[in-house]
Amino acid sequence: MLLYSIDVQIRNSRSRFRLQIGGDDRFSEDGDWTALPPGHLYFGEVTGYWRLSRPVEGRSSGGFWLYDKEMPGAWKVWTWGDAYPIELAVLWIEKMGVILDQRYKWYGRTSILRGSWDFDWAVTRRFV
């Protein structure tokens, strides 16, 4: 189920793209993400796995952490030697309720492996 449609604007650039965040239900704290072109140039992948880290007392921000894939189970890593997920980007969140408000915006950064691009992002459509 599609949860959010997010516009991403790379700072000091004209590049912008749409990021789609999906999950099992409206209370999902992980799921799949898809970057529409030219998002793959900045994230290094077109799709992947996201995990939510909520802001808690004593910590000023949380974020949507974007990875290239979901963490494999311990048995799979041990038996097949599957590689761990690679962090591609984080979309920082200052505060949130159960779900992000439409038009919520803040900033983010791609992984050092992708060149550390800073970007601004905004929820343009909430599907939940």
Protein backbone atom coordinates (compact mmCIF):
# COMPACT_ATOMS: atom_id res chain seq x y z
CA MET A 1 0.00 0.00 0.00
CA LEU A 2 1.34 3.43 -0.94
CA LEU A 3 1.71 5.66 2.14
CA TYR A 4 3.39 8.87 0.97
CA SER A 5 4.43 10.67 -2.16
CA ILE A 6 7.42 12.90 -1.39
CA ASP A 7 9.08 15.56 -3.53
CA VAL A 8 12.87 15.69 -3.17
CA GLN A 9 14.84 18.79 -4.22
CA ILE A 10 18.64 18.42 -4.34
CA ARG A 11 20.20 21.54 -2.80
CA ASN A 12 22.21 23.83 -5.08
CA SER A 13 20.79 22.04 -8.10
CA ARG A 14 17.74 22.04 -10.31
CA SER A 15 17.35 18.29 -9.82
CA ARG A 16 14.14 17.15 -8.23
CA PHE A 17 12.34 13.85 -8.20
CA ARG A 18 9.51 12.01 -6.50
CA LEU A 19 10.00 9.39 -3.82
CA GLN A 20 7.20 6.95 -3.02
CA ILE A 21 7.02 5.29 0.38
CA GLY A 22 4.96 2.12 0.81
CA GLY A 23 4.08 -0.16 3.71
CA ASP A 24 1.73 -2.89 4.89
CA ASP A 25 -0.71 -0.47 6.55
CA ARG A 26 -0.94 3.14 7.70
CA PHE A 27 0.98 2.38 10.90
CA SER A 28 3.93 0.72 9.11
CA GLU A 29 7.38 1.57 10.38
CA ASP A 30 9.16 -0.13 7.50
CA GLY A 31 8.46 -1.10 3.92
CA ASP A 32 9.49 -0.47 0.33
CA TRP A 33 10.46 2.77 -1.36
CA THR A 34 10.73 3.76 -5.03
CA ALA A 35 12.58 6.76 -6.48
CA LEU A 36 11.34 8.07 -9.81
CA PRO A 37 13.96 9.40 -12.29
CA PRO A 38 16.46 10.96 -11.70
CA GLY A 39 16.36 9.70 -8.08
CA HIS A 40 18.53 6.70 -8.89
CA LEU A 41 21.42 9.06 -9.67
CA TYR A 42 21.44 10.31 -6.08
CA PHE A 43 20.30 7.24 -4.14
CA GLY A 44 22.15 4.70 -6.30
CA GLU A 45 19.05 2.49 -6.53
CA VAL A 46 15.55 2.77 -7.94
CA THR A 47 13.89 0.74 -5.17
CA GLY A 48 14.77 -0.51 -1.74
CA TYR A 49 13.71 -0.89 1.87
CA TRP A 50 12.99 1.86 4.42
CA ARG A 51 12.88 1.83 8.21
CA LEU A 52 11.44 4.53 10.47
CA SER A 53 13.31 5.83 13.47
CA ARG A 54 10.87 7.96 15.48
CA PRO A 55 11.95 11.08 17.36
CA VAL A 56 11.99 10.31 21.09
CA GLU A 57 12.57 12.42 24.16
CA GLY A 58 16.24 13.24 24.51
CA ARG A 59 16.83 12.86 20.77
CA SER A 60 15.97 15.81 18.57
CA SER A 61 15.11 13.97 15.37
CA GLY A 62 14.18 10.69 13.80
CA GLY A 63 14.15 9.75 10.17
CA PHE A 64 13.22 7.58 7.26
CA TRP A 65 16.36 5.50 6.67
CA LEU A 66 16.59 4.24 3.10
CA TYR A 67 18.52 1.04 2.33
CA ASP A 68 19.14 -0.92 -0.84
CA LYS A 69 17.38 -3.99 0.63
CA GLU A 70 15.86 -5.44 3.77
CA MET A 71 18.09 -6.96 6.42
CA PRO A 72 18.33 -10.71 5.74
CA GLY A 73 17.55 -13.11 8.56
CA ALA A 74 20.48 -14.30 10.66
CA TRP A 75 20.16 -17.83 9.26
CA LYS A 76 20.45 -16.60 5.66
CA VAL A 77 23.56 -14.53 6.43
CA TRP A 78 25.18 -17.46 8.18
CA THR A 79 24.36 -20.08 5.55
CA TRP A 80 24.66 -18.09 2.31
CA GLY A 81 26.83 -15.13 3.28
CA ASP A 82 24.33 -12.56 2.05
CA ALA A 83 25.66 -9.00 2.29
CA TYR A 84 24.15 -6.57 4.77
CA PRO A 85 21.96 -3.72 3.47
CA ILE A 86 23.71 -0.52 2.43
CA GLU A 87 22.41 2.77 3.81
CA LEU A 88 21.59 5.06 0.88
CA ALA A 89 19.96 8.12 2.44
CA VAL A 90 18.06 9.50 5.40
CA LEU A 91 15.09 11.89 5.40
CA TRP A 92 15.20 13.58 8.81
CA ILE A 93 11.99 14.06 10.80
CA GLU A 94 11.79 16.66 13.55
CA LYS A 95 8.41 15.67 14.97
CA MET A 96 5.54 13.48 13.98
CA GLY A 97 2.35 11.91 15.20
CA VAL A 98 1.19 8.50 14.09
CA ILE A 99 1.60 9.56 10.45
CA LEU A 100 3.27 12.52 8.76
CA ASP A 101 1.08 15.49 7.96
CA GLN A 102 0.54 16.36 4.36
CA ARG A 103 2.91 19.17 3.33
CA TYR A 104 5.37 18.22 6.12
CA LYS A 105 8.87 19.17 5.02
CA TRP A 106 12.42 19.10 6.24
CA TYR A 107 15.82 18.00 4.92
CA GLY A 108 17.91 14.91 4.28
CA ARG A 109 21.24 13.63 3.04
CA THR A 110 22.44 10.81 0.85
CA SER A 111 25.04 8.36 2.10
CA ILE A 112 28.72 9.18 1.84
CA LEU A 113 28.90 6.36 -0.71
CA ARG A 114 26.60 8.40 -2.96
CA GLY A 115 28.53 11.67 -2.60
CA SER A 116 26.74 13.18 0.42
CA TRP A 117 24.11 15.20 -1.41
CA ASP A 118 21.97 17.41 0.82
CA PHE A 119 18.32 17.76 -0.14
CA ASP A 120 15.03 19.21 1.01
CA TRP A 121 11.90 17.07 0.97
CA ALA A 122 8.17 17.58 1.38
CA VAL A 123 5.18 15.26 1.60
CA THR A 124 3.08 16.15 -1.42
CA ARG A 125 0.44 13.47 -0.99
CA ARG A 126 -0.55 11.27 1.90
CA PHE A 127 -2.48 8.13 1.03
CA VAL A 128 -3.37 7.08 4.59
